[in-house]
């Protein structure tokens, strides 16, 4: 997908893409409905060719990166470091200054896709670690409540959680969540 508000410049970019074995499946003049257009067209890469990114464009790219992530390559004339940093924070995989040269298109897109995949892998790993940490906190809280209610040590509380999980054929986090709910409900009635 190509976003470019100048028809003549867009034609040059499209030709450069074709010369390098790529096909532009959709061209937009603005990023106003970028998320919806990407959801509908499902492009492999989003290319934005502009003079300088504005706040609305960055917000739209950020929304796209959150809702329907894709590698985003931005060709811009503005080399201001604050614009570059803002574009990268919004999800741009590659920010190229001084326009597009046909001979550079393929390596730029390959690098952008590789960076995007690496970032997605890191994001996935971070989400997994956060989820594990939250589960660990929930299990620790359940153990603490069991220890308080049953007047037992940590090992006994954990053993009780594990036994309950096995008896119910549930994951220990599911049992821990139930224990917390029940104990808090009992605490509210006392």
Protein backbone atom coordinates (compact mmCIF):
# COMPACT_ATOMS: atom_id res chain seq x y z
CA UNK A 1 0.00 0.00 0.00
CA UNK A 2 1.33 3.41 -0.93
CA UNK A 3 0.40 6.67 0.81
CA UNK A 4 1.41 9.74 -1.16
CA UNK A 5 -0.50 12.97 -1.69
CA UNK A 6 1.35 13.93 -4.89
CA UNK A 7 0.29 12.00 -8.00
CA UNK A 8 3.54 12.55 -9.92
CA UNK A 9 5.71 11.43 -7.00
CA UNK A 10 3.40 8.45 -6.38
CA UNK A 11 3.81 7.35 -10.02
CA UNK A 12 7.60 7.38 -9.61
CA UNK A 13 7.37 5.34 -6.41
CA UNK A 14 4.98 2.85 -8.01
CA UNK A 15 7.35 2.42 -10.97
CA UNK A 16 10.29 1.89 -8.62
CA UNK A 17 8.27 -0.73 -6.77
CA UNK A 18 7.37 -2.55 -10.00
CA UNK A 19 11.00 -2.41 -11.16
CA UNK A 20 11.96 -4.24 -7.96
CA UNK A 21 9.28 -6.93 -8.15
CA UNK A 22 6.68 -5.35 -5.87
CA UNK A 23 3.09 -4.45 -6.64
CA UNK A 24 1.19 -1.52 -5.16
CA UNK A 25 -2.30 -2.85 -4.42
CA UNK A 26 -3.76 0.41 -3.12
CA UNK A 27 -2.79 4.08 -3.14
CA UNK A 28 -4.04 6.59 -0.60
CA UNK A 29 -3.53 10.33 -0.52
CA UNK A 30 -3.61 10.57 3.30
CA UNK A 31 -3.31 8.33 6.34
CA UNK A 32 -6.73 9.48 7.55
CA UNK A 33 -8.38 6.04 7.22
CA UNK A 34 -5.15 4.04 7.17
CA UNK A 35 -6.20 1.41 9.72
CA UNK A 36 -9.46 0.65 7.88
CA UNK A 37 -7.77 0.60 4.47
CA UNK A 38 -5.04 -1.78 5.70
CA UNK A 39 -7.65 -4.05 7.29
CA UNK A 40 -9.54 -4.15 4.01
CA UNK A 41 -6.57 -4.48 1.60
CA UNK A 42 -4.19 -6.52 3.81
CA UNK A 43 -0.95 -5.21 2.25
CA UNK A 44 2.38 -6.81 3.16
CA UNK A 45 4.04 -3.41 3.60
CA UNK A 46 2.83 0.18 3.95
CA UNK A 47 4.96 2.80 2.18
CA UNK A 48 4.48 6.44 3.02
CA UNK A 49 6.15 9.04 0.79
CA UNK A 50 5.86 12.53 2.25
CA UNK A 51 7.74 15.72 2.88
CA UNK A 52 7.36 15.58 6.67
CA UNK A 53 5.11 13.57 9.01
CA UNK A 54 2.51 15.59 10.89
CA UNK A 55 0.83 14.79 14.20
CA UNK A 56 -2.33 13.30 12.61
CA UNK A 57 -0.26 11.05 10.36
CA UNK A 58 1.78 9.81 13.32
CA UNK A 59 -1.39 9.12 15.33
CA UNK A 60 -2.85 7.13 12.41
CA UNK A 61 0.36 5.12 12.03
CA UNK A 62 0.44 4.47 15.77
CA UNK A 63 -3.16 3.23 15.66
CA UNK A 64 -2.28 0.98 12.72
CA UNK A 65 0.75 -0.42 14.56
CA UNK A 66 -1.47 -1.25 17.52
CA UNK A 67 -4.54 -2.59 15.69
CA UNK A 68 -3.14 -4.21 12.54
CA UNK A 69 0.67 -4.12 12.61
CA UNK A 70 2.55 -4.04 9.32
CA UNK A 71 6.04 -3.01 8.28
CA UNK A 72 5.90 0.72 7.54
CA UNK A 73 8.53 2.41 5.37
CA UNK A 74 8.54 6.18 5.32
CA UNK A 75 10.34 8.15 2.61
CA UNK A 76 10.60 11.74 3.76
CA UNK A 77 12.43 14.90 2.89
CA UNK A 78 12.56 16.08 6.50
CA UNK A 79 15.60 14.83 8.42
CA UNK A 80 14.73 16.43 11.76
CA UNK A 81 15.65 13.99 14.54
CA UNK A 82 12.46 14.71 16.49
CA UNK A 83 10.35 13.75 13.44
CA UNK A 84 12.38 10.59 12.96
CA UNK A 85 12.02 9.60 16.63
CA UNK A 86 8.28 10.31 16.57
CA UNK A 87 7.86 8.22 13.40
CA UNK A 88 9.77 5.29 14.92
CA UNK A 89 7.65 5.50 18.10
CA UNK A 90 4.54 5.46 15.87
CA UNK A 91 5.65 2.15 14.37
CA UNK A 92 7.74 3.09 11.32
CA UNK A 93 10.20 0.27 10.54
CA UNK A 94 12.40 2.36 8.26
CA UNK A 95 12.62 6.16 7.89
CA UNK A 96 14.48 7.10 4.71
CA UNK A 97 15.56 10.68 4.02
CA UNK A 98 16.32 12.10 0.56
CA UNK A 99 13.61 10.25 -1.32
CA UNK A 100 13.52 6.94 -3.09
CA UNK A 101 16.16 5.64 -5.43
CA UNK A 102 15.09 2.60 -7.41
CA UNK A 103 18.31 0.71 -6.70
CA UNK A 104 17.76 1.08 -2.93
CA UNK A 105 14.11 -0.02 -2.83
CA UNK A 106 14.55 -3.77 -2.42
CA UNK A 107 17.19 -3.67 0.36
CA UNK A 108 15.26 -0.97 2.21
CA UNK A 109 12.05 -3.01 2.14
CA UNK A 110 13.90 -6.18 3.16
CA UNK A 111 15.48 -4.41 6.14
CA UNK A 112 12.13 -2.87 7.12
CA UNK A 113 10.42 -6.28 7.06
CA UNK A 114 13.26 -7.86 9.08
CA UNK A 115 13.14 -5.05 11.68
CA UNK A 116 9.36 -5.34 11.87
CA UNK A 117 9.52 -9.11 12.44
CA UNK A 118 12.19 -8.69 15.10
CA UNK A 119 10.14 -6.03 16.85
CA UNK A 120 7.01 -8.20 16.72
CA UNK A 121 8.96 -11.11 18.22
CA UNK A 122 10.23 -8.87 21.03
CA UNK A 123 6.72 -7.52 21.62
CA UNK A 124 5.35 -11.06 21.80
CA UNK A 125 8.09 -12.11 24.22
CA UNK A 126 7.43 -9.07 26.40
CA UNK A 127 3.70 -9.83 26.49
CA UNK A 128 4.46 -13.44 27.47
CA UNK A 129 6.76 -12.32 30.29
CA UNK A 130 4.19 -9.77 31.52
CA UNK A 131 1.50 -12.43 31.50
CA UNK A 132 3.72 -14.87 33.40
CA UNK A 133 4.52 -12.16 35.96
CA UNK A 134 0.83 -11.40 36.45
CA UNK A 135 0.11 -15.10 36.88
CA UNK A 136 2.94 -15.38 39.39
CA UNK A 137 1.54 -12.42 41.37
CA UNK A 138 -1.92 -14.03 41.39
CA UNK A 139 -0.53 -17.36 42.58
CA UNK A 140 1.50 -15.60 45.30
CA UNK A 141 -1.59 -13.72 46.46
CA UNK A 142 -3.62 -16.95 46.58
CA UNK A 143 -0.86 -18.66 48.54
CA UNK A 144 -0.80 -15.75 50.99
CA UNK A 145 -4.54 -15.96 51.52
CA UNK A 146 -4.39 -19.73 52.04
CA UNK A 147 -1.49 -19.32 54.49
CA UNK A 148 -3.48 -16.75 56.46
CA UNK A 149 -6.74 -18.71 56.40
CA UNK A 150 -5.27 -22.19 57.01
CA UNK A 151 -2.40 -21.05 59.28
CA UNK A 152 0.14 -22.95 57.18
CA UNK A 153 3.49 -22.26 55.56
CA UNK A 154 4.14 -21.33 51.93
CA UNK A 155 5.01 -24.88 50.83
CA UNK A 156 1.76 -26.24 52.24
CA UNK A 157 -0.25 -23.44 50.63
CA UNK A 158 1.33 -24.16 47.24
CA UNK A 159 0.74 -27.90 47.66
CA UNK A 160 -2.92 -27.18 48.40
CA UNK A 161 -3.19 -25.03 45.25
CA UNK A 162 -1.53 -27.72 43.11
CA UNK A 163 -3.74 -30.49 44.52
CA UNK A 164 -6.87 -28.43 43.91
CA UNK A 165 -5.73 -27.71 40.34
CA UNK A 166 -5.08 -31.40 39.67
CA UNK A 167 -8.39 -32.46 41.25
CA UNK A 168 -10.27 -29.96 39.07
CA UNK A 169 -8.14 -30.56 35.94
CA UNK A 170 -7.44 -26.84 35.81
CA UNK A 171 -4.33 -24.73 35.50
CA UNK A 172 -2.96 -23.50 38.81
CA UNK A 173 -3.60 -19.88 37.77
CA UNK A 174 -7.30 -20.65 37.30
CA UNK A 175 -7.49 -22.20 40.76
CA UNK A 176 -5.52 -19.31 42.28
CA UNK A 177 -7.96 -16.82 40.74
CA UNK A 178 -10.92 -18.78 42.15
CA UNK A 179 -9.29 -19.02 45.58
CA UNK A 180 -8.74 -15.26 45.64
CA UNK A 181 -12.36 -14.61 44.64
CA UNK A 182 -13.73 -16.96 47.30
CA UNK A 183 -11.40 -15.73 50.04
CA UNK A 184 -12.15 -12.08 49.27
CA UNK A 185 -15.87 -12.85 49.26
CA UNK A 186 -15.53 -14.62 52.63
CA UNK A 187 -13.52 -11.70 53.96
CA UNK A 188 -16.26 -9.27 52.94
CA UNK A 189 -18.90 -11.25 54.87
CA UNK A 190 -16.90 -11.54 58.08
